[in-house]
Amino acid sequence: MQRDQLIGTLLVVVSIIAVAVYLWLLFIPPIAGVDIVLIKITAAVAIVAIFGILGWIGYTLATTPPPKPIEEIEKEIEEELKKLEKETAALQQQPKQ
């Protein structure tokens, strides 16, 4: 569980840093022009979308609880089966009307 949280947190941090650095490098050069700005905005939107999805995956990995161990699931199933068997036996022993 801690490994998944660490990987998820790392993905979120790397995504935030990558987006910030990319935008900083993209908009700082002194070259100006409407067509260039349009290309930059388009490229920025694409990068934010890609790293936003990566960050979302990281957040999900970091916050999702781990699944139950198989032994615990098997134990719960066995308990439910025992309850059903007791109920079935009790119903069979009841007198018919």
N, C-alpha and C. Protein backbone atom coordinates (compact mmCIF):
# COMPACT_ATOMS: atom_id res chain seq x y z
N MET A 1 0.82 -1.18 0.00
CA MET A 1 0.00 0.00 0.00
C MET A 1 0.87 1.25 0.00
N GLN A 2 1.88 1.29 0.81
CA GLN A 2 2.72 2.48 0.87
C GLN A 2 3.47 2.70 -0.43
N ARG A 3 3.82 1.62 -1.10
CA ARG A 3 4.53 1.75 -2.38
C ARG A 3 3.64 2.43 -3.41
N ASP A 4 2.36 2.02 -3.46
CA ASP A 4 1.42 2.64 -4.39
C ASP A 4 1.22 4.11 -4.06
N GLN A 5 1.13 4.44 -2.78
CA GLN A 5 0.97 5.83 -2.39
C GLN A 5 2.19 6.65 -2.77
N LEU A 6 3.37 6.08 -2.58
CA LEU A 6 4.60 6.78 -2.94
C LEU A 6 4.67 7.02 -4.45
N ILE A 7 4.37 5.99 -5.22
CA ILE A 7 4.38 6.12 -6.69
C ILE A 7 3.33 7.14 -7.13
N GLY A 8 2.15 7.07 -6.54
CA GLY A 8 1.09 8.01 -6.89
C GLY A 8 1.46 9.45 -6.57
N THR A 9 2.01 9.66 -5.38
CA THR A 9 2.43 11.00 -4.99
C THR A 9 3.54 11.50 -5.90
N LEU A 10 4.48 10.63 -6.23
CA LEU A 10 5.57 11.00 -7.13
C LEU A 10 5.04 11.39 -8.52
N LEU A 11 4.07 10.63 -9.02
CA LEU A 11 3.47 10.96 -10.32
C LEU A 11 2.79 12.33 -10.29
N VAL A 12 2.09 12.63 -9.20
CA VAL A 12 1.42 13.93 -9.08
C VAL A 12 2.45 15.05 -9.06
N VAL A 13 3.50 14.91 -8.25
CA VAL A 13 4.53 15.95 -8.13
C VAL A 13 5.25 16.15 -9.46
N VAL A 14 5.66 15.05 -10.10
CA VAL A 14 6.36 15.15 -11.38
C VAL A 14 5.46 15.81 -12.43
N SER A 15 4.18 15.48 -12.41
CA SER A 15 3.25 16.09 -13.37
C SER A 15 3.15 17.60 -13.17
N ILE A 16 3.03 18.02 -11.93
CA ILE A 16 2.93 19.46 -11.64
C ILE A 16 4.20 20.19 -12.06
N ILE A 17 5.35 19.62 -11.73
CA ILE A 17 6.63 20.24 -12.09
C ILE A 17 6.79 20.28 -13.61
N ALA A 18 6.45 19.18 -14.30
CA ALA A 18 6.60 19.13 -15.75
C ALA A 18 5.72 20.18 -16.44
N VAL A 19 4.49 20.33 -15.97
CA VAL A 19 3.60 21.33 -16.56
C VAL A 19 4.15 22.74 -16.33
N ALA A 20 4.60 23.02 -15.11
CA ALA A 20 5.13 24.36 -14.79
C ALA A 20 6.37 24.67 -15.63
N VAL A 21 7.30 23.73 -15.72
CA VAL A 21 8.53 23.95 -16.49
C VAL A 21 8.22 24.11 -17.98
N TYR A 22 7.34 23.26 -18.51
CA TYR A 22 6.99 23.35 -19.92
C TYR A 22 6.38 24.71 -20.25
N LEU A 23 5.42 25.15 -19.43
CA LEU A 23 4.78 26.45 -19.69
C LEU A 23 5.78 27.59 -19.56
N TRP A 24 6.67 27.50 -18.59
CA TRP A 24 7.69 28.54 -18.42
C TRP A 24 8.60 28.61 -19.64
N LEU A 25 9.10 27.46 -20.11
CA LEU A 25 9.97 27.44 -21.28
C LEU A 25 9.23 27.83 -22.56
N LEU A 26 7.96 27.51 -22.63
CA LEU A 26 7.18 27.78 -23.83
C LEU A 26 6.88 29.26 -24.02
N PHE A 27 6.58 29.98 -22.94
CA PHE A 27 6.14 31.36 -23.07
C PHE A 27 7.22 32.40 -22.78
N ILE A 28 8.39 32.03 -22.34
CA ILE A 28 9.45 32.99 -22.04
C ILE A 28 10.21 33.48 -23.28
N PRO A 29 10.46 32.67 -24.31
CA PRO A 29 11.24 33.17 -25.45
C PRO A 29 10.65 34.45 -26.03
N PRO A 30 11.51 35.37 -26.51
CA PRO A 30 11.05 36.68 -26.97
C PRO A 30 10.39 36.68 -28.35
N ILE A 31 10.26 35.56 -29.00
CA ILE A 31 9.63 35.50 -30.32
C ILE A 31 8.13 35.75 -30.16
N ALA A 32 7.61 36.72 -30.90
CA ALA A 32 6.20 37.08 -30.76
C ALA A 32 5.47 36.90 -32.08
N GLY A 33 4.18 36.87 -32.05
CA GLY A 33 3.36 36.72 -33.25
C GLY A 33 2.11 35.94 -32.90
N VAL A 34 1.02 36.32 -33.53
CA VAL A 34 -0.25 35.68 -33.24
C VAL A 34 -0.21 34.19 -33.58
N ASP A 35 0.35 33.86 -34.74
CA ASP A 35 0.39 32.44 -35.14
C ASP A 35 1.23 31.61 -34.17
N ILE A 36 2.32 32.17 -33.70
CA ILE A 36 3.17 31.45 -32.74
C ILE A 36 2.44 31.28 -31.41
N VAL A 37 1.74 32.34 -30.98
CA VAL A 37 0.99 32.26 -29.72
C VAL A 37 -0.09 31.19 -29.81
N LEU A 38 -0.76 31.13 -30.96
CA LEU A 38 -1.79 30.11 -31.14
C LEU A 38 -1.21 28.71 -31.07
N ILE A 39 -0.06 28.51 -31.70
CA ILE A 39 0.61 27.21 -31.63
C ILE A 39 1.01 26.89 -30.19
N LYS A 40 1.50 27.91 -29.48
CA LYS A 40 1.91 27.70 -28.09
C LYS A 40 0.73 27.32 -27.21
N ILE A 41 -0.38 28.03 -27.40
CA ILE A 41 -1.56 27.71 -26.59
C ILE A 41 -2.04 26.29 -26.87
N THR A 42 -2.05 25.92 -28.15
CA THR A 42 -2.46 24.57 -28.52
C THR A 42 -1.54 23.52 -27.90
N ALA A 43 -0.25 23.75 -28.00
CA ALA A 43 0.72 22.82 -27.41
C ALA A 43 0.57 22.77 -25.90
N ALA A 44 0.33 23.93 -25.27
CA ALA A 44 0.17 23.97 -23.81
C ALA A 44 -1.05 23.17 -23.37
N VAL A 45 -2.15 23.32 -24.10
CA VAL A 45 -3.36 22.57 -23.75
C VAL A 45 -3.11 21.07 -23.87
N ALA A 46 -2.41 20.64 -24.92
CA ALA A 46 -2.11 19.22 -25.09
C ALA A 46 -1.25 18.69 -23.94
N ILE A 47 -0.23 19.42 -23.55
CA ILE A 47 0.66 18.98 -22.47
C ILE A 47 -0.07 18.95 -21.14
N VAL A 48 -0.88 19.98 -20.86
CA VAL A 48 -1.64 20.00 -19.61
C VAL A 48 -2.59 18.81 -19.55
N ALA A 49 -3.22 18.47 -20.68
CA ALA A 49 -4.13 17.32 -20.71
C ALA A 49 -3.39 16.02 -20.43
N ILE A 50 -2.25 15.82 -21.07
CA ILE A 50 -1.48 14.58 -20.89
C ILE A 50 -1.02 14.43 -19.44
N PHE A 51 -0.40 15.48 -18.90
CA PHE A 51 0.11 15.38 -17.53
C PHE A 51 -1.01 15.47 -16.50
N GLY A 52 -2.14 16.08 -16.86
CA GLY A 52 -3.30 16.06 -15.98
C GLY A 52 -3.83 14.65 -15.80
N ILE A 53 -3.90 13.89 -16.90
CA ILE A 53 -4.32 12.49 -16.82
C ILE A 53 -3.32 11.68 -16.01
N LEU A 54 -2.04 11.90 -16.24
CA LEU A 54 -1.01 11.20 -15.47
C LEU A 54 -1.12 11.52 -13.98
N GLY A 55 -1.35 12.79 -13.66
CA GLY A 55 -1.54 13.18 -12.27
C GLY A 55 -2.78 12.56 -11.65
N TRP A 56 -3.85 12.45 -12.43
CA TRP A 56 -5.08 11.82 -11.97
C TRP A 56 -4.84 10.34 -11.65
N ILE A 57 -4.10 9.66 -12.50
CA ILE A 57 -3.74 8.26 -12.24
C ILE A 57 -2.91 8.18 -10.97
N GLY A 58 -1.95 9.08 -10.81
CA GLY A 58 -1.13 9.10 -9.60
C GLY A 58 -1.97 9.35 -8.36
N TYR A 59 -2.90 10.30 -8.44
CA TYR A 59 -3.78 10.60 -7.31
C TYR A 59 -4.62 9.37 -6.95
N THR A 60 -5.15 8.70 -7.97
CA THR A 60 -5.95 7.51 -7.73
C THR A 60 -5.12 6.42 -7.06
N LEU A 61 -3.89 6.21 -7.55
CA LEU A 61 -3.00 5.23 -6.92
C LEU A 61 -2.69 5.61 -5.48
N ALA A 62 -2.51 6.89 -5.22
CA ALA A 62 -2.13 7.35 -3.88
C ALA A 62 -3.28 7.27 -2.89
N THR A 63 -4.52 7.39 -3.34
CA THR A 63 -5.65 7.47 -2.41
C THR A 63 -6.54 6.24 -2.37
N THR A 64 -6.37 5.30 -3.28
CA THR A 64 -7.21 4.10 -3.29
C THR A 64 -6.70 3.10 -2.26
N PRO A 65 -7.59 2.61 -1.39
CA PRO A 65 -7.13 1.62 -0.41
C PRO A 65 -6.79 0.30 -1.10
N PRO A 66 -5.88 -0.46 -0.52
CA PRO A 66 -5.52 -1.73 -1.14
C PRO A 66 -6.67 -2.74 -1.03
N PRO A 67 -6.72 -3.70 -1.92
CA PRO A 67 -7.78 -4.71 -1.85
C PRO A 67 -7.59 -5.62 -0.65
N LYS A 68 -8.69 -6.28 -0.24
CA LYS A 68 -8.61 -7.22 0.88
C LYS A 68 -7.75 -8.42 0.47
N PRO A 69 -7.05 -9.01 1.44
CA PRO A 69 -6.32 -10.24 1.13
C PRO A 69 -7.29 -11.36 0.77
N ILE A 70 -6.85 -12.27 -0.07
CA ILE A 70 -7.71 -13.37 -0.53
C ILE A 70 -8.17 -14.23 0.65
N GLU A 71 -7.30 -14.43 1.63
CA GLU A 71 -7.67 -15.24 2.79
C GLU A 71 -8.87 -14.64 3.52
N GLU A 72 -8.92 -13.33 3.63
CA GLU A 72 -10.03 -12.67 4.30
C GLU A 72 -11.32 -12.83 3.51
N ILE A 73 -11.23 -12.73 2.20
CA ILE A 73 -12.40 -12.91 1.34
C ILE A 73 -12.91 -14.34 1.44
N GLU A 74 -11.98 -15.31 1.41
CA GLU A 74 -12.37 -16.72 1.53
C GLU A 74 -13.05 -16.98 2.87
N LYS A 75 -12.55 -16.38 3.93
CA LYS A 75 -13.14 -16.55 5.26
C LYS A 75 -14.57 -16.00 5.28
N GLU A 76 -14.79 -14.84 4.68
CA GLU A 76 -16.12 -14.25 4.62
C GLU A 76 -17.08 -15.14 3.82
N ILE A 77 -16.60 -15.70 2.73
CA ILE A 77 -17.44 -16.58 1.91
C ILE A 77 -17.82 -17.83 2.69
N GLU A 78 -16.85 -18.41 3.40
CA GLU A 78 -17.14 -19.60 4.21
C GLU A 78 -18.17 -19.30 5.30
N GLU A 79 -18.06 -18.15 5.94
CA GLU A 79 -19.03 -17.77 6.97
C GLU A 79 -20.43 -17.61 6.37
N GLU A 80 -20.52 -17.01 5.19
CA GLU A 80 -21.81 -16.86 4.54
C GLU A 80 -22.40 -18.22 4.15
N LEU A 81 -21.55 -19.12 3.68
CA LEU A 81 -22.02 -20.46 3.33
C LEU A 81 -22.55 -21.20 4.55
N LYS A 82 -21.86 -21.08 5.68
CA LYS A 82 -22.32 -21.72 6.91
C LYS A 82 -23.67 -21.16 7.34
N LYS A 83 -23.86 -19.85 7.24
CA LYS A 83 -25.14 -19.24 7.58
C LYS A 83 -26.25 -19.77 6.68
N LEU A 84 -25.97 -19.84 5.38
CA LEU A 84 -26.97 -20.35 4.43
C LEU A 84 -27.31 -21.80 4.72
N GLU A 85 -26.30 -22.61 5.06
CA GLU A 85 -26.55 -24.02 5.38
C GLU A 85 -27.43 -24.14 6.62
N LYS A 86 -27.18 -23.31 7.64
CA LYS A 86 -27.99 -23.34 8.86
C LYS A 86 -29.43 -22.93 8.55
N GLU A 87 -29.60 -21.89 7.74
CA GLU A 87 -30.94 -21.44 7.38
C GLU A 87 -31.67 -22.50 6.58
N THR A 88 -30.97 -23.14 5.66
CA THR A 88 -31.57 -24.20 4.85
C THR A 88 -31.98 -25.37 5.72
N ALA A 89 -31.11 -25.76 6.65
CA ALA A 89 -31.42 -26.87 7.56
C ALA A 89 -32.61 -26.51 8.44
N ALA A 90 -32.68 -25.29 8.92
CA ALA A 90 -33.79 -24.86 9.77
C ALA A 90 -35.10 -24.86 8.98
N LEU A 91 -35.06 -24.43 7.73
CA LEU A 91 -36.27 -24.43 6.90
C LEU A 91 -36.74 -25.84 6.60
N GLN A 92 -35.82 -26.76 6.41
CA GLN A 92 -36.18 -28.15 6.11
C GLN A 92 -36.77 -28.85 7.32
N GLN A 93 -36.39 -28.44 8.52
CA GLN A 93 -36.89 -29.07 9.74
C GLN A 93 -38.25 -28.53 10.16
N GLN A 94 -38.66 -27.40 9.63
CA GLN A 94 -39.96 -26.83 9.98
C GLN A 94 -41.07 -27.72 9.43
N PRO A 95 -42.14 -27.88 10.21
CA PRO A 95 -43.26 -28.70 9.72
C PRO A 95 -43.96 -28.00 8.55
N LYS A 96 -44.40 -28.82 7.60
CA LYS A 96 -45.09 -28.27 6.43
C LYS A 96 -46.55 -28.05 6.78
N GLN A 97 -47.16 -27.04 6.21
CA GLN A 97 -48.55 -26.72 6.51
C GLN A 97 -49.48 -27.28 5.48
